Amino acid sequence: MPQQRRHDMGAGGMCLCPKCDYRAAHRRGVPCQDERCPQCGAKLLREGSFHDKLLQERRTGQAERR
């Protein structure tokens, strides 16, 4: 059997929308990326995840260029 990929982020935390900044509590056993934002329909990101960090870096870089 193939081994599942684990991120070890724990059961708590938040899921974030990268487009409209909607926030929801993470549901145990359901990856945030499998959830959709009820406001705009975008896939959610897990707070503190690799992709969340990339988004924050991109937003910081855009703010510095202004």
C-alpha atoms as a PDB file:
ATOM      1  CA  MET A   1       0.000   0.000   0.000  1.00  0.00           C
ATOM      2  CA  PRO A   2       1.289   3.466  -0.808  1.00  0.00           C
ATOM      3  CA  GLN A   3       2.130   5.637   2.155  1.00  0.00           C
ATOM      4  CA  GLN A   4      -0.002   8.752   2.565  1.00  0.00           C
ATOM      5  CA  ARG A   5       1.695  12.113   2.684  1.00  0.00           C
ATOM      6  CA  ARG A   6       1.440  13.731   6.131  1.00  0.00           C
ATOM      7  CA  HIS A   7       1.966  17.379   6.872  1.00  0.00           C
ATOM      8  CA  ASP A   8       1.883  17.103  10.687  1.00  0.00           C
ATOM      9  CA  MET A   9       0.081  20.397  11.091  1.00  0.00           C
ATOM     10  CA  GLY A  10      -2.197  19.075  13.830  1.00  0.00           C
ATOM     11  CA  ALA A  11      -5.936  19.088  14.232  1.00  0.00           C
ATOM     12  CA  GLY A  12      -6.348  22.787  15.084  1.00  0.00           C
ATOM     13  CA  GLY A  13      -5.655  25.861  13.045  1.00  0.00           C
ATOM     14  CA  MET A  14      -7.403  27.852  10.376  1.00  0.00           C
ATOM     15  CA  CYS A  15      -8.161  27.569   6.681  1.00  0.00           C
ATOM     16  CA  LEU A  16      -7.701  30.816   4.729  1.00  0.00           C
ATOM     17  CA  CYS A  17      -8.948  32.090   1.390  1.00  0.00           C
ATOM     18  CA  PRO A  18      -6.086  33.524  -0.694  1.00  0.00           C
ATOM     19  CA  LYS A  19      -8.445  35.814  -2.616  1.00  0.00           C
ATOM     20  CA  CYS A  20     -10.871  37.394  -0.140  1.00  0.00           C
ATOM     21  CA  ASP A  21      -9.188  36.596   3.226  1.00  0.00           C
ATOM     22  CA  TYR A  22     -12.146  34.522   4.491  1.00  0.00           C
ATOM     23  CA  ARG A  23     -11.135  32.430   7.534  1.00  0.00           C
ATOM     24  CA  ALA A  24     -12.669  29.222   8.885  1.00  0.00           C
ATOM     25  CA  ALA A  25     -11.646  26.716  11.526  1.00  0.00           C
ATOM     26  CA  HIS A  26      -9.845  23.689  10.095  1.00  0.00           C
ATOM     27  CA  ARG A  27     -11.981  20.539  10.150  1.00  0.00           C
ATOM     28  CA  ARG A  28     -10.101  17.476  11.342  1.00  0.00           C
ATOM     29  CA  GLY A  29      -9.515  14.950   8.575  1.00  0.00           C
ATOM     30  CA  VAL A  30     -10.447  17.358   5.765  1.00  0.00           C
ATOM     31  CA  PRO A  31      -7.541  19.103   4.005  1.00  0.00           C
ATOM     32  CA  CYS A  32      -8.122  22.835   3.627  1.00  0.00           C
ATOM     33  CA  GLN A  33      -7.359  22.557  -0.092  1.00  0.00           C
ATOM     34  CA  ASP A  34     -10.424  20.308  -0.438  1.00  0.00           C
ATOM     35  CA  GLU A  35     -12.616  23.092   0.982  1.00  0.00           C
ATOM     36  CA  ARG A  36     -13.993  26.016  -1.048  1.00  0.00           C
ATOM     37  CA  CYS A  37     -14.509  29.576   0.123  1.00  0.00           C
ATOM     38  CA  PRO A  38     -18.254  30.215   0.565  1.00  0.00           C
ATOM     39  CA  GLN A  39     -17.767  33.868  -0.449  1.00  0.00           C
ATOM     40  CA  CYS A  40     -15.749  33.574  -3.678  1.00  0.00           C
ATOM     41  CA  GLY A  41     -15.334  29.842  -4.421  1.00  0.00           C
ATOM     42  CA  ALA A  42     -11.507  29.717  -4.250  1.00  0.00           C
ATOM     43  CA  LYS A  43      -9.698  26.754  -2.727  1.00  0.00           C
ATOM     44  CA  LEU A  44      -8.667  27.389   0.871  1.00  0.00           C
ATOM     45  CA  LEU A  45      -5.099  27.236   2.228  1.00  0.00           C
ATOM     46  CA  ARG A  46      -3.988  25.979   5.622  1.00  0.00           C
ATOM     47  CA  GLU A  47      -2.630  28.730   7.844  1.00  0.00           C
ATOM     48  CA  GLY A  48       1.132  28.243   8.254  1.00  0.00           C
ATOM     49  CA  SER A  49       1.431  25.876   5.284  1.00  0.00           C
ATOM     50  CA  PHE A  50       4.043  26.151   2.540  1.00  0.00           C
ATOM     51  CA  HIS A  51       1.522  27.745   0.162  1.00  0.00           C
ATOM     52  CA  ASP A  52       0.326  30.200   2.820  1.00  0.00           C
ATOM     53  CA  LYS A  53       3.932  31.297   3.360  1.00  0.00           C
ATOM     54  CA  LEU A  54       4.408  31.788  -0.406  1.00  0.00           C
ATOM     55  CA  LEU A  55       1.269  33.919  -0.537  1.00  0.00           C
ATOM     56  CA  GLN A  56       2.454  36.075   2.375  1.00  0.00           C
ATOM     57  CA  GLU A  57       5.869  36.564   0.731  1.00  0.00           C
ATOM     58  CA  ARG A  58       4.218  37.572  -2.544  1.00  0.00           C
ATOM     59  CA  ARG A  59       1.908  40.046  -0.782  1.00  0.00           C
ATOM     60  CA  THR A  60       4.851  41.533   1.138  1.00  0.00           C
ATOM     61  CA  GLY A  61       6.855  41.897  -2.072  1.00  0.00           C
ATOM     62  CA  GLN A  62       3.990  43.668  -3.841  1.00  0.00           C
ATOM     63  CA  ALA A  63       3.538  46.081  -0.930  1.00  0.00           C
ATOM     64  CA  GLU A  64       7.250  46.957  -0.958  1.00  0.00           C
ATOM     65  CA  ARG A  65       7.177  47.792  -4.674  1.00  0.00           C
ATOM     66  CA  ARG A  66       4.444  50.428  -4.205  1.00  0.00           C
END
